[in-house]
């Protein structure tokens, strides 16, 4: 019985890893992973990285983070992105190495960091509390990494790590855009 369980676990890990990669693919290339609000898109496509970090480990979370970074770099090279999303594209930013580090490097680093934090949380006296804390703080960690890289690599944009702590910052933009959209729809019917 013991040998059967040892063989089953790696196979289930591969299935979970493949499923998370597929989910990451869907989130990265459909409307599910990004909220397009000017001046820069907001993403929730890091969720599969969190799940991989919690259940699979740092290596698999880094691999999914690498895939997320490559897909965000590809998506930033498209014509329909927000104006500041172009800094994630090595073809449109004017600084290819900086864009590569920003889009791929920060996401791979995030995957590794989250995997290591989950590993440490599981060793705590109360691992469920530690896992909950890591899960709650991970979106901020992702934002801090991306905004810090933007500050270091693209200082002319004016972003810095402090933008990661303004959770309410996009909401006035969302409300304003929704109001403009509502007014445009109403004016079409008059």
Protein backbone atom coordinates (compact mmCIF):
# COMPACT_ATOMS: atom_id res chain seq x y z
CA UNK A 1 0.00 0.00 0.00
CA UNK A 2 2.81 2.37 0.83
CA UNK A 3 4.43 2.06 -2.63
CA UNK A 4 1.11 2.80 -4.29
CA UNK A 5 0.73 6.06 -2.37
CA UNK A 6 4.29 7.14 -3.19
CA UNK A 7 3.67 6.56 -6.91
CA UNK A 8 0.29 8.27 -6.81
CA UNK A 9 1.45 11.54 -5.24
CA UNK A 10 3.93 12.59 -7.97
CA UNK A 11 1.38 11.73 -10.64
CA UNK A 12 -1.26 13.84 -8.90
CA UNK A 13 1.28 16.65 -8.60
CA UNK A 14 1.85 16.51 -12.34
CA UNK A 15 -1.90 16.63 -12.97
CA UNK A 16 -2.32 19.58 -10.62
CA UNK A 17 0.66 21.36 -12.21
CA UNK A 18 -0.72 20.81 -15.72
CA UNK A 19 -4.17 21.97 -14.63
CA UNK A 20 -2.73 25.11 -13.06
CA UNK A 21 -0.75 25.82 -16.23
CA UNK A 22 -3.96 25.47 -18.24
CA UNK A 23 -5.78 27.82 -15.88
CA UNK A 24 -2.90 30.28 -16.11
CA UNK A 25 -3.11 30.07 -19.90
CA UNK A 26 -6.84 30.82 -19.80
CA UNK A 27 -6.39 33.69 -17.37
CA UNK A 28 -3.53 35.16 -19.37
CA UNK A 29 -5.12 35.03 -22.81
CA UNK A 30 -8.78 35.71 -22.03
CA UNK A 31 -10.66 38.38 -20.13
CA UNK A 32 -10.50 36.27 -16.93
CA UNK A 33 -7.06 37.34 -15.75
CA UNK A 34 -6.90 41.05 -16.49
CA UNK A 35 -9.05 44.07 -15.76
CA UNK A 36 -8.24 46.72 -18.34
CA UNK A 37 -8.45 50.12 -16.67
CA UNK A 38 -6.33 53.05 -17.75
CA UNK A 39 -3.48 53.72 -17.35
CA UNK A 40 -2.36 50.13 -16.55
CA UNK A 41 -4.14 46.78 -16.42
CA UNK A 42 -4.88 45.10 -13.12
CA UNK A 43 -4.24 41.36 -13.00
CA UNK A 44 -5.49 38.45 -10.96
CA UNK A 45 -3.60 35.92 -13.07
CA UNK A 46 -1.23 35.28 -10.15
CA UNK A 47 -3.80 33.04 -8.42
CA UNK A 48 -2.52 29.78 -10.03
CA UNK A 49 0.96 30.72 -8.80
CA UNK A 50 -0.38 30.96 -5.25
CA UNK A 51 -2.05 27.56 -5.52
CA UNK A 52 1.13 26.01 -6.96
CA UNK A 53 3.21 27.56 -4.19
CA UNK A 54 0.91 26.19 -1.53
CA UNK A 55 0.37 22.67 -2.85
CA UNK A 56 3.36 21.94 -5.09
CA UNK A 57 6.34 23.98 -3.93
CA UNK A 58 8.66 26.75 -4.99
CA UNK A 59 9.93 25.10 -8.18
CA UNK A 60 6.51 24.59 -9.72
CA UNK A 61 5.32 28.02 -8.58
CA UNK A 62 8.39 29.55 -10.23
CA UNK A 63 7.63 27.68 -13.46
CA UNK A 64 4.04 28.93 -13.50
CA UNK A 65 5.30 32.42 -12.64
CA UNK A 66 7.68 32.20 -15.59
CA UNK A 67 4.79 31.21 -17.84
CA UNK A 68 2.71 34.09 -16.46
CA UNK A 69 5.57 36.50 -17.16
CA UNK A 70 6.05 35.27 -20.71
CA UNK A 71 2.33 35.45 -21.43
CA UNK A 72 2.05 38.96 -19.96
CA UNK A 73 5.00 40.02 -22.11
CA UNK A 74 3.28 38.59 -25.18
CA UNK A 75 -0.04 40.20 -24.26
CA UNK A 76 1.63 43.57 -23.66
CA UNK A 77 2.87 43.46 -27.24
CA UNK A 78 -0.71 43.41 -28.57
CA UNK A 79 -2.49 46.44 -29.95
CA UNK A 80 -5.39 46.46 -27.45
CA UNK A 81 -3.44 46.96 -24.21
CA UNK A 82 -3.59 49.96 -21.95
CA UNK A 83 -1.02 52.70 -22.65
CA UNK A 84 1.33 51.85 -19.77
CA UNK A 85 1.09 48.08 -20.33
CA UNK A 86 3.57 48.60 -23.15
CA UNK A 87 6.41 48.78 -20.62
CA UNK A 88 5.95 45.02 -20.18
CA UNK A 89 6.74 44.48 -23.89
CA UNK A 90 10.35 44.38 -25.01
CA UNK A 91 9.18 45.35 -28.51
CA UNK A 92 7.24 48.48 -27.53
CA UNK A 93 8.97 49.84 -24.43
CA UNK A 94 12.25 51.03 -25.92
CA UNK A 95 14.16 49.15 -23.20
CA UNK A 96 13.92 45.41 -24.03
CA UNK A 97 16.02 44.11 -21.13
CA UNK A 98 14.05 46.18 -18.64
CA UNK A 99 10.76 44.91 -20.02
CA UNK A 100 11.96 41.34 -19.89
CA UNK A 101 13.01 41.72 -16.26
CA UNK A 102 9.76 43.50 -15.43
CA UNK A 103 7.36 41.07 -17.06
CA UNK A 104 9.17 37.74 -16.68
CA UNK A 105 11.67 38.32 -13.88
CA UNK A 106 9.25 39.73 -11.32
CA UNK A 107 6.66 37.00 -11.96
CA UNK A 108 9.23 34.18 -11.71
CA UNK A 109 10.67 35.75 -8.54
CA UNK A 110 7.13 36.05 -7.17
CA UNK A 111 6.52 32.34 -7.79
CA UNK A 112 9.74 31.34 -6.05
CA UNK A 113 9.13 33.72 -3.13
CA UNK A 114 5.54 32.54 -2.62
CA UNK A 115 6.64 28.90 -2.76
CA UNK A 116 9.30 29.54 -0.12
CA UNK A 117 6.88 31.49 2.09
CA UNK A 118 4.33 28.67 1.93
CA UNK A 119 7.06 26.17 2.77
CA UNK A 120 8.02 28.23 5.83
CA UNK A 121 4.36 28.67 6.82
CA UNK A 122 3.84 24.90 6.80
CA UNK A 123 6.67 24.53 9.34
CA UNK A 124 5.07 26.90 11.85
CA UNK A 125 3.36 25.71 15.00
CA UNK A 126 0.00 26.67 13.48
CA UNK A 127 0.49 26.08 9.75
CA UNK A 128 -3.07 26.95 8.72
CA UNK A 129 -2.73 30.43 10.17
CA UNK A 130 0.62 30.85 8.44
CA UNK A 131 -0.81 29.69 5.11
CA UNK A 132 -3.73 32.11 5.53
CA UNK A 133 -1.37 35.00 6.23
CA UNK A 134 0.82 34.15 3.22
CA UNK A 135 -2.28 33.86 1.02
CA UNK A 136 -3.60 37.20 2.21
CA UNK A 137 -0.29 39.05 1.78
CA UNK A 138 0.78 37.50 -1.53
CA UNK A 139 -1.18 39.91 -3.78
CA UNK A 140 0.61 42.81 -2.07
CA UNK A 141 3.95 41.04 -2.51
CA UNK A 142 3.23 40.73 -6.24
CA UNK A 143 2.31 44.42 -6.45
CA UNK A 144 5.40 45.46 -4.50
CA UNK A 145 7.67 43.43 -6.79
CA UNK A 146 6.12 44.82 -9.98
CA UNK A 147 5.97 48.45 -8.83
CA UNK A 148 9.51 48.30 -7.41
CA UNK A 149 10.79 46.92 -10.70
CA UNK A 150 8.89 49.67 -12.55
CA UNK A 151 10.51 52.27 -10.27
CA UNK A 152 13.98 50.84 -10.83
CA UNK A 153 13.75 50.01 -14.54
CA UNK A 154 11.38 52.74 -15.78
CA UNK A 155 11.78 55.71 -13.38
CA UNK A 156 10.33 58.13 -15.95
CA UNK A 157 6.87 56.60 -15.37
CA UNK A 158 6.80 57.84 -11.78
CA UNK A 159 5.68 54.55 -10.21
CA UNK A 160 7.22 53.24 -7.00
CA UNK A 161 6.54 50.51 -4.48
CA UNK A 162 4.19 52.78 -2.51
CA UNK A 163 1.58 52.36 -5.28
CA UNK A 164 1.15 48.77 -4.05
CA UNK A 165 -0.42 50.10 -0.85
CA UNK A 166 -3.08 52.24 -2.54
CA UNK A 167 -5.73 49.54 -2.84
CA UNK A 168 -8.48 52.09 -3.31
CA UNK A 169 -6.64 54.00 -6.05
CA UNK A 170 -8.23 52.28 -9.09
CA UNK A 171 -11.81 52.55 -7.77
CA UNK A 172 -12.28 56.25 -8.60
CA UNK A 173 -11.07 55.45 -12.12
CA UNK A 174 -13.51 52.53 -12.38
CA UNK A 175 -16.38 54.67 -11.14
CA UNK A 176 -15.45 57.51 -13.50
CA UNK A 177 -15.17 55.14 -16.48
CA UNK A 178 -18.48 53.49 -15.60
CA UNK A 179 -20.13 56.91 -15.39
CA UNK A 180 -18.72 57.87 -18.79
CA UNK A 181 -19.84 54.57 -20.28
CA UNK A 182 -23.34 55.01 -18.83
CA UNK A 183 -23.57 58.55 -20.22
CA UNK A 184 -22.44 57.36 -23.68
CA UNK A 185 -25.02 54.57 -23.70
CA UNK A 186 -27.79 56.94 -22.60
CA UNK A 187 -26.82 59.50 -25.23
CA UNK A 188 -27.10 56.80 -27.93
CA UNK A 189 -30.76 56.30 -27.04
CA UNK A 190 -31.71 59.99 -27.06
